[in-house]
N, C-alpha and C. Protein backbone atom coordinates (compact mmCIF):
# COMPACT_ATOMS: atom_id res chain seq x y z
N UNK A 1 29.17 -111.25 -54.87
CA UNK A 1 30.75 -110.53 -54.60
C UNK A 1 31.38 -109.76 -53.70
N UNK A 2 30.04 -108.95 -53.23
CA UNK A 2 30.44 -108.06 -52.25
C UNK A 2 30.59 -108.54 -50.66
N UNK A 3 31.18 -109.85 -50.65
CA UNK A 3 30.99 -110.10 -49.20
C UNK A 3 32.93 -110.44 -49.00
N UNK A 4 33.17 -110.11 -47.63
CA UNK A 4 34.82 -110.66 -47.26
C UNK A 4 34.32 -111.14 -45.86
N UNK A 5 35.32 -112.06 -45.90
CA UNK A 5 35.69 -112.79 -44.57
C UNK A 5 36.44 -112.14 -43.58
N UNK A 6 35.49 -111.72 -42.17
CA UNK A 6 36.28 -111.27 -41.15
C UNK A 6 36.53 -111.93 -40.37
N UNK A 7 37.41 -112.08 -39.43
CA UNK A 7 37.84 -112.91 -38.12
C UNK A 7 37.50 -111.94 -37.29
N UNK A 8 36.78 -112.89 -36.39
CA UNK A 8 36.11 -112.34 -34.76
C UNK A 8 36.55 -112.96 -34.01
N UNK A 9 37.58 -112.39 -33.23
CA UNK A 9 38.08 -112.69 -31.67
C UNK A 9 36.77 -113.34 -30.88
N UNK A 10 37.81 -113.98 -29.88
CA UNK A 10 36.83 -114.50 -28.50
C UNK A 10 36.91 -113.30 -27.83
N UNK A 11 35.43 -112.93 -27.43
CA UNK A 11 35.03 -111.93 -26.34
C UNK A 11 34.45 -112.70 -25.08
N UNK A 12 35.26 -112.39 -23.93
CA UNK A 12 34.79 -112.89 -22.78
C UNK A 12 35.09 -112.11 -21.83
N UNK A 13 34.24 -112.80 -20.36
CA UNK A 13 34.63 -111.95 -19.12
C UNK A 13 34.66 -113.07 -18.00
N UNK A 14 35.42 -112.20 -16.94
CA UNK A 14 35.49 -113.38 -15.66
C UNK A 14 34.28 -113.11 -14.75
N UNK A 15 33.55 -114.28 -14.22
CA UNK A 15 32.38 -114.55 -13.34
C UNK A 15 33.46 -114.99 -12.10
N UNK A 16 32.94 -114.09 -10.62
CA UNK A 16 33.67 -114.30 -9.63
C UNK A 16 32.16 -115.35 -8.58
N UNK A 17 32.87 -115.98 -7.84
CA UNK A 17 32.20 -116.78 -6.97
C UNK A 17 32.62 -116.31 -5.79
N UNK A 18 31.49 -115.72 -4.37
CA UNK A 18 31.33 -114.85 -2.99
C UNK A 18 30.72 -115.96 -2.29
N UNK A 19 31.34 -115.88 -0.85
CA UNK A 19 30.82 -116.97 0.11
C UNK A 19 31.49 -116.06 0.92
N UNK A 20 30.49 -116.58 2.22
CA UNK A 20 31.38 -116.24 3.51
C UNK A 20 32.16 -117.05 4.09
N UNK A 21 33.27 -116.71 4.62
CA UNK A 21 34.62 -117.87 4.63
C UNK A 21 34.96 -117.39 6.26
N UNK A 22 35.26 -118.56 6.76
CA UNK A 22 35.15 -118.43 8.18
C UNK A 22 36.82 -117.85 8.16
N UNK A 23 37.19 -116.54 9.05
CA UNK A 23 38.41 -116.05 9.54
C UNK A 23 39.49 -117.32 10.28
N UNK A 24 38.80 -118.38 10.84
CA UNK A 24 39.72 -118.91 11.87
C UNK A 24 39.93 -120.54 11.06
N UNK A 25 39.26 -120.68 10.28
CA UNK A 25 39.33 -122.20 10.01
C UNK A 25 39.25 -122.25 8.42
N UNK A 26 38.66 -121.30 7.86
CA UNK A 26 38.50 -120.96 6.35
C UNK A 26 37.44 -121.97 6.01
N UNK A 27 36.57 -121.98 6.58
CA UNK A 27 35.20 -123.06 6.03
C UNK A 27 34.48 -122.04 5.27
N UNK A 28 33.92 -122.90 4.23
CA UNK A 28 33.31 -121.64 3.23
C UNK A 28 31.34 -121.99 3.48
N UNK A 29 30.80 -120.94 3.46
CA UNK A 29 29.29 -120.97 3.57
C UNK A 29 28.58 -120.09 2.60
N UNK A 30 27.46 -120.78 2.26
CA UNK A 30 26.63 -119.87 0.82
C UNK A 30 25.98 -118.69 2.00
N UNK A 31 25.72 -118.90 2.96
CA UNK A 31 24.96 -117.57 3.43
C UNK A 31 25.52 -117.08 4.92
N UNK A 32 24.97 -115.78 5.21
CA UNK A 32 25.58 -115.31 6.62
C UNK A 32 25.22 -115.99 7.90
N UNK A 33 24.07 -116.70 7.67
CA UNK A 33 23.30 -117.43 8.71
C UNK A 33 23.96 -118.78 9.45
N UNK A 34 24.81 -119.39 7.95
CA UNK A 34 25.56 -120.53 8.19
C UNK A 34 26.85 -120.39 8.63
N UNK A 35 27.40 -119.19 8.60
CA UNK A 35 28.20 -118.45 9.17
C UNK A 35 28.21 -118.79 10.44
N UNK A 36 27.35 -117.64 10.92
CA UNK A 36 26.92 -117.39 12.26
C UNK A 36 26.99 -118.47 13.00
N UNK A 37 26.23 -119.80 12.76
CA UNK A 37 25.80 -120.77 13.22
C UNK A 37 27.30 -121.39 13.26
N UNK A 38 28.04 -121.52 12.15
CA UNK A 38 29.74 -122.29 12.63
C UNK A 38 30.03 -121.67 13.94
N UNK A 39 30.20 -120.09 13.64
CA UNK A 39 30.95 -119.37 14.69
C UNK A 39 30.94 -119.67 16.16
N UNK A 40 29.52 -119.46 16.42
CA UNK A 40 28.73 -119.62 17.78
C UNK A 40 29.02 -121.34 18.17
N UNK A 41 28.99 -122.20 17.52
CA UNK A 41 29.05 -123.57 17.92
C UNK A 41 30.29 -123.70 19.38
N UNK A 42 31.18 -123.33 19.07
CA UNK A 42 32.54 -123.61 19.76
C UNK A 42 33.14 -122.51 20.05
N UNK A 43 33.20 -121.63 21.68
CA UNK A 43 33.92 -120.67 21.87
C UNK A 43 35.13 -120.70 22.15
N UNK A 44 35.79 -122.01 22.18
CA UNK A 44 37.28 -122.19 22.60
C UNK A 44 38.06 -122.57 21.10
N UNK A 45 37.54 -122.15 19.85
CA UNK A 45 38.47 -122.44 18.93
C UNK A 45 38.80 -120.81 17.93
N UNK A 46 39.38 -121.00 16.79
CA UNK A 46 39.68 -119.39 16.45
C UNK A 46 38.72 -118.99 15.48
N UNK A 47 37.50 -119.62 15.69
CA UNK A 47 36.53 -119.23 14.47
C UNK A 47 35.49 -118.00 15.40
N UNK A 48 35.65 -117.21 15.17
CA UNK A 48 35.32 -116.24 15.75
C UNK A 48 34.90 -115.10 14.84
N UNK A 49 35.11 -115.14 13.58
CA UNK A 49 34.38 -113.93 12.69
C UNK A 49 34.25 -114.16 11.25
N UNK A 50 33.91 -113.94 10.46
CA UNK A 50 34.01 -114.38 8.96
C UNK A 50 34.16 -113.13 8.20
N UNK A 51 34.17 -113.32 6.71
CA UNK A 51 34.31 -112.30 5.91
C UNK A 51 33.37 -112.98 4.44
N UNK A 52 32.91 -111.50 3.66
CA UNK A 52 32.78 -112.27 2.46
C UNK A 52 33.86 -111.96 1.57
N UNK A 53 34.24 -113.13 0.84
CA UNK A 53 35.45 -113.12 0.03
C UNK A 53 35.16 -113.65 -1.21
N UNK A 54 35.64 -113.34 -2.42
CA UNK A 54 35.81 -114.28 -3.56
C UNK A 54 36.74 -115.38 -3.67
N UNK A 55 36.01 -116.83 -3.90
CA UNK A 55 36.78 -118.03 -3.51
C UNK A 55 37.34 -118.99 -4.66
N UNK A 56 36.26 -117.98 -6.06
CA UNK A 56 36.59 -118.78 -7.19
C UNK A 56 35.99 -117.97 -8.20
N UNK A 57 36.68 -118.04 -9.11
CA UNK A 57 36.46 -117.30 -10.62
C UNK A 57 37.00 -118.37 -12.04
N UNK A 58 36.13 -117.69 -12.72
CA UNK A 58 36.20 -118.72 -14.07
C UNK A 58 35.64 -117.81 -15.24
N UNK A 59 36.29 -117.97 -16.60
CA UNK A 59 36.10 -117.26 -17.55
C UNK A 59 34.83 -117.79 -18.33
N UNK A 60 33.89 -116.79 -18.75
CA UNK A 60 32.57 -117.21 -19.20
C UNK A 60 32.85 -116.40 -20.81
N UNK A 61 32.75 -117.47 -21.60
CA UNK A 61 33.10 -116.93 -23.16
C UNK A 61 31.47 -116.28 -23.78
N UNK A 62 31.72 -114.77 -23.95
CA UNK A 62 30.67 -114.62 -24.91
C UNK A 62 30.25 -114.81 -25.79
N UNK A 63 31.37 -114.38 -26.73
CA UNK A 63 31.46 -114.60 -27.99
C UNK A 63 32.40 -115.74 -28.39
N UNK A 64 32.08 -116.89 -29.05
CA UNK A 64 33.04 -117.73 -29.29
C UNK A 64 34.22 -117.10 -30.91
N UNK A 65 35.30 -117.75 -31.02
CA UNK A 65 36.11 -117.19 -32.29
C UNK A 65 35.54 -117.93 -33.27
N UNK A 66 35.46 -117.10 -34.50
CA UNK A 66 34.44 -117.42 -35.81
C UNK A 66 34.72 -116.50 -36.71
N UNK A 67 34.57 -116.92 -38.13
CA UNK A 67 34.79 -116.17 -39.39
C UNK A 67 33.39 -115.92 -39.77
N UNK A 68 33.02 -114.71 -40.18
CA UNK A 68 31.82 -114.32 -40.49
C UNK A 68 31.63 -113.42 -42.18
N UNK A 69 30.82 -113.54 -42.40
CA UNK A 69 30.93 -113.13 -43.90
C UNK A 69 30.19 -111.66 -43.72
N UNK A 70 30.83 -110.65 -44.36
CA UNK A 70 30.34 -109.10 -43.97
C UNK A 70 30.04 -108.70 -45.47
N UNK A 71 29.20 -107.93 -45.62
CA UNK A 71 29.08 -106.76 -46.84
C UNK A 71 30.24 -105.85 -46.98
N UNK A 72 30.82 -106.07 -48.33
CA UNK A 72 32.42 -105.15 -48.52
C UNK A 72 31.85 -104.32 -49.58
N UNK A 73 31.43 -103.12 -49.99
CA UNK A 73 30.91 -102.62 -51.15
C UNK A 73 32.41 -101.74 -51.31
N UNK A 74 33.51 -102.12 -50.87
CA UNK A 74 34.79 -100.81 -51.05
C UNK A 74 35.16 -101.47 -52.99
N UNK A 75 34.73 -102.68 -53.25
CA UNK A 75 35.37 -102.35 -54.66
C UNK A 75 34.07 -103.00 -55.50
N UNK A 76 33.70 -102.48 -56.85
CA UNK A 76 32.80 -103.24 -57.87
C UNK A 76 33.32 -104.32 -58.52
N UNK A 77 32.40 -105.65 -58.13
CA UNK A 77 32.93 -106.72 -58.99
C UNK A 77 32.93 -106.41 -60.05
N UNK A 78 31.91 -105.36 -60.83
CA UNK A 78 31.79 -105.22 -62.52
C UNK A 78 32.99 -104.73 -62.86
N UNK A 79 33.02 -103.25 -62.47
CA UNK A 79 34.27 -102.40 -63.21
C UNK A 79 35.41 -102.46 -62.29
N UNK A 80 35.69 -102.84 -61.16
CA UNK A 80 36.65 -102.72 -60.41
C UNK A 80 36.97 -101.40 -59.81
N UNK A 81 35.98 -100.59 -59.84
CA UNK A 81 36.15 -99.02 -59.02
C UNK A 81 35.89 -99.12 -57.65
N UNK A 82 36.79 -98.19 -57.01
CA UNK A 82 36.55 -98.47 -55.58
C UNK A 82 35.86 -97.36 -55.45
N UNK A 83 35.42 -97.10 -54.18
CA UNK A 83 34.29 -96.75 -53.25
C UNK A 83 34.86 -95.44 -52.60
């Protein structure tokens, strides 16, 4: 009888995805080498530099919402005395 139910709220954090992004056309690349190859393909376009940017983010649930049984010794189940 020394249990009580406690509601546990969700605990989460946000993960971000970063990629190399062409400053001219907005193409996204996983590595700097891929971005450099893209830039040097044609000198007559606007693709002359790139930046490392956040392109996406998504939530990750670490602890889902749930109820949990925890010990509760504040009241004696036999005599009713409070701790």
